[in-house]
N, C-alpha and C. Protein backbone atom coordinates (compact mmCIF):
# COMPACT_ATOMS: atom_id res chain seq x y z
N MET A 1 8.36 -6.83 14.70
CA MET A 1 7.49 -6.50 15.82
C MET A 1 6.04 -6.59 15.36
N LYS A 2 5.20 -7.12 16.20
CA LYS A 2 3.79 -7.28 15.88
C LYS A 2 2.99 -6.07 16.37
N LEU A 3 2.03 -5.68 15.58
CA LEU A 3 1.15 -4.56 15.90
C LEU A 3 0.16 -4.98 16.98
N ALA A 4 -0.01 -4.15 18.04
CA ALA A 4 -0.90 -4.51 19.14
C ALA A 4 -1.56 -3.28 19.74
N ALA A 5 -2.71 -3.49 20.35
CA ALA A 5 -3.41 -2.40 21.04
C ALA A 5 -2.50 -1.84 22.14
N GLY A 6 -2.58 -0.54 22.32
CA GLY A 6 -1.77 0.13 23.33
C GLY A 6 -0.49 0.73 22.80
N GLN A 7 -0.10 0.33 21.58
CA GLN A 7 1.13 0.87 20.98
C GLN A 7 0.88 2.25 20.39
N THR A 8 1.91 3.07 20.41
CA THR A 8 1.92 4.30 19.63
C THR A 8 2.83 4.03 18.44
N ILE A 9 2.28 4.26 17.25
CA ILE A 9 3.02 3.98 16.03
C ILE A 9 2.94 5.15 15.06
N GLU A 10 3.85 5.17 14.13
CA GLU A 10 3.81 6.12 13.04
C GLU A 10 3.50 5.33 11.78
N ILE A 11 2.51 5.78 11.00
CA ILE A 11 2.12 5.04 9.81
C ILE A 11 2.23 5.90 8.56
N VAL A 12 2.43 5.25 7.45
CA VAL A 12 2.28 5.86 6.12
C VAL A 12 1.03 5.22 5.56
N TYR A 13 0.03 6.04 5.24
CA TYR A 13 -1.31 5.55 4.91
C TYR A 13 -1.78 6.11 3.57
N MET A 14 -2.42 5.26 2.77
CA MET A 14 -2.99 5.71 1.50
C MET A 14 -4.51 5.63 1.61
N ASP A 15 -5.19 6.77 1.44
CA ASP A 15 -6.64 6.78 1.55
C ASP A 15 -7.32 6.31 0.27
N LYS A 16 -8.65 6.35 0.24
CA LYS A 16 -9.39 5.79 -0.90
C LYS A 16 -9.18 6.54 -2.21
N VAL A 17 -8.72 7.80 -2.15
CA VAL A 17 -8.40 8.54 -3.38
C VAL A 17 -6.90 8.52 -3.66
N ARG A 18 -6.19 7.60 -2.97
CA ARG A 18 -4.76 7.35 -3.16
C ARG A 18 -3.85 8.48 -2.65
N LYS A 19 -4.37 9.33 -1.77
CA LYS A 19 -3.56 10.36 -1.14
C LYS A 19 -2.75 9.69 -0.02
N ILE A 20 -1.45 9.96 0.01
CA ILE A 20 -0.57 9.34 1.00
C ILE A 20 -0.26 10.35 2.10
N THR A 21 -0.45 9.91 3.35
CA THR A 21 -0.17 10.77 4.50
C THR A 21 0.65 9.98 5.52
N GLN A 22 1.29 10.73 6.40
CA GLN A 22 2.03 10.12 7.50
C GLN A 22 1.38 10.58 8.79
N ARG A 23 1.11 9.66 9.69
CA ARG A 23 0.39 9.97 10.93
C ARG A 23 1.01 9.25 12.12
N LYS A 24 0.88 9.87 13.27
CA LYS A 24 1.29 9.26 14.52
C LYS A 24 0.00 8.92 15.27
N ILE A 25 -0.20 7.63 15.58
CA ILE A 25 -1.46 7.19 16.19
C ILE A 25 -1.21 6.30 17.40
N GLU A 26 -2.20 6.27 18.30
CA GLU A 26 -2.20 5.30 19.39
C GLU A 26 -3.24 4.25 19.05
N VAL A 27 -2.83 3.01 18.96
CA VAL A 27 -3.71 1.91 18.58
C VAL A 27 -4.62 1.55 19.76
N LEU A 28 -5.93 1.59 19.52
CA LEU A 28 -6.90 1.23 20.56
C LEU A 28 -7.38 -0.21 20.39
N GLY A 29 -7.46 -0.66 19.14
CA GLY A 29 -7.90 -2.03 18.89
C GLY A 29 -7.72 -2.40 17.43
N ILE A 30 -7.62 -3.70 17.18
CA ILE A 30 -7.45 -4.22 15.82
C ILE A 30 -8.47 -5.35 15.65
N GLN A 31 -9.32 -5.21 14.62
CA GLN A 31 -10.34 -6.23 14.39
C GLN A 31 -10.85 -6.13 12.96
N ASP A 32 -11.05 -7.26 12.33
CA ASP A 32 -11.65 -7.34 10.99
C ASP A 32 -10.93 -6.47 9.96
N GLY A 33 -9.60 -6.44 10.01
CA GLY A 33 -8.84 -5.68 9.03
C GLY A 33 -8.85 -4.18 9.24
N ARG A 34 -9.24 -3.75 10.42
CA ARG A 34 -9.30 -2.31 10.75
C ARG A 34 -8.56 -2.02 12.05
N ILE A 35 -7.98 -0.84 12.10
CA ILE A 35 -7.34 -0.37 13.33
C ILE A 35 -8.14 0.81 13.85
N ARG A 36 -8.64 0.69 15.07
CA ARG A 36 -9.24 1.84 15.75
C ARG A 36 -8.09 2.53 16.48
N ALA A 37 -8.01 3.85 16.33
CA ALA A 37 -6.87 4.57 16.89
C ALA A 37 -7.23 6.01 17.22
N THR A 38 -6.35 6.64 17.97
CA THR A 38 -6.45 8.07 18.25
C THR A 38 -5.29 8.75 17.55
N ASN A 39 -5.60 9.78 16.77
CA ASN A 39 -4.56 10.58 16.12
C ASN A 39 -3.83 11.36 17.21
N GLN A 40 -2.53 11.19 17.33
CA GLN A 40 -1.76 11.82 18.40
C GLN A 40 -1.59 13.33 18.22
N ILE A 41 -1.76 13.83 17.02
CA ILE A 41 -1.62 15.27 16.79
C ILE A 41 -2.93 16.01 17.11
N THR A 42 -4.06 15.47 16.62
CA THR A 42 -5.34 16.15 16.78
C THR A 42 -6.18 15.63 17.94
N GLY A 43 -5.88 14.42 18.41
CA GLY A 43 -6.65 13.81 19.49
C GLY A 43 -7.96 13.21 19.03
N THR A 44 -8.19 13.16 17.72
CA THR A 44 -9.45 12.64 17.19
C THR A 44 -9.39 11.13 16.98
N PRO A 45 -10.53 10.46 17.18
CA PRO A 45 -10.58 9.02 16.91
C PRO A 45 -10.60 8.78 15.40
N ARG A 46 -9.97 7.70 14.96
CA ARG A 46 -9.90 7.35 13.54
C ARG A 46 -9.98 5.85 13.38
N VAL A 47 -10.37 5.43 12.18
CA VAL A 47 -10.32 4.01 11.81
C VAL A 47 -9.50 3.93 10.53
N PHE A 48 -8.52 3.02 10.53
CA PHE A 48 -7.64 2.83 9.38
C PHE A 48 -7.78 1.39 8.89
N LEU A 49 -7.83 1.21 7.57
CA LEU A 49 -7.86 -0.12 6.99
C LEU A 49 -6.44 -0.66 6.93
N LEU A 50 -6.24 -1.86 7.44
CA LEU A 50 -4.89 -2.44 7.48
C LEU A 50 -4.26 -2.54 6.09
N ASP A 51 -5.05 -2.85 5.08
CA ASP A 51 -4.46 -3.03 3.75
C ASP A 51 -4.09 -1.71 3.08
N ARG A 52 -4.40 -0.58 3.71
CA ARG A 52 -3.99 0.72 3.18
C ARG A 52 -2.79 1.31 3.93
N ILE A 53 -2.31 0.60 4.93
CA ILE A 53 -1.11 1.04 5.64
C ILE A 53 0.09 0.54 4.84
N LEU A 54 0.85 1.47 4.31
CA LEU A 54 1.98 1.13 3.45
C LEU A 54 3.22 0.79 4.27
N ALA A 55 3.37 1.43 5.44
CA ALA A 55 4.51 1.18 6.32
C ALA A 55 4.15 1.65 7.72
N TRP A 56 4.80 1.04 8.72
CA TRP A 56 4.61 1.51 10.08
C TRP A 56 5.85 1.20 10.90
N GLN A 57 6.01 1.99 11.97
CA GLN A 57 7.09 1.73 12.92
C GLN A 57 6.62 2.14 14.31
N SER A 58 7.10 1.43 15.28
CA SER A 58 6.77 1.73 16.67
C SER A 58 7.45 3.03 17.07
N VAL A 59 6.76 3.83 17.88
CA VAL A 59 7.33 5.08 18.38
C VAL A 59 7.63 4.87 19.86
N GLY A 60 8.92 4.82 20.19
CA GLY A 60 9.33 4.60 21.57
C GLY A 60 9.78 5.89 22.20
N GLU A 61 10.41 5.74 23.32
CA GLU A 61 10.98 6.91 23.98
C GLU A 61 12.11 7.46 23.12
N GLU A 62 12.22 8.77 23.09
CA GLU A 62 13.32 9.38 22.35
C GLU A 62 14.61 9.08 23.08
N ARG A 63 15.64 8.82 22.31
CA ARG A 63 16.96 8.56 22.90
C ARG A 63 17.92 9.65 22.48
N TYR A 64 18.73 10.05 23.37
CA TYR A 64 19.68 11.12 23.10
C TYR A 64 21.10 10.58 23.17
N ALA A 65 21.91 11.02 22.25
CA ALA A 65 23.32 10.61 22.24
C ALA A 65 24.06 11.28 23.39
N ARG A 66 25.00 10.58 23.94
CA ARG A 66 25.80 11.17 25.04
C ARG A 66 27.04 11.78 24.48
């Protein structure tokens, strides 16, 4: 799946001091190796460098077993 504006994704991110965090974000735009996004937990705007994203997955609707 390709990363696109409007998606809500969960990322594993390594910052400049090599601290690894996991975040749930809504992608607002992708340009010049950066993702502009809103942190879904805090509601704050953030910018993430694409080359520091270690893993990501799309966050869809929760599904429940019957």
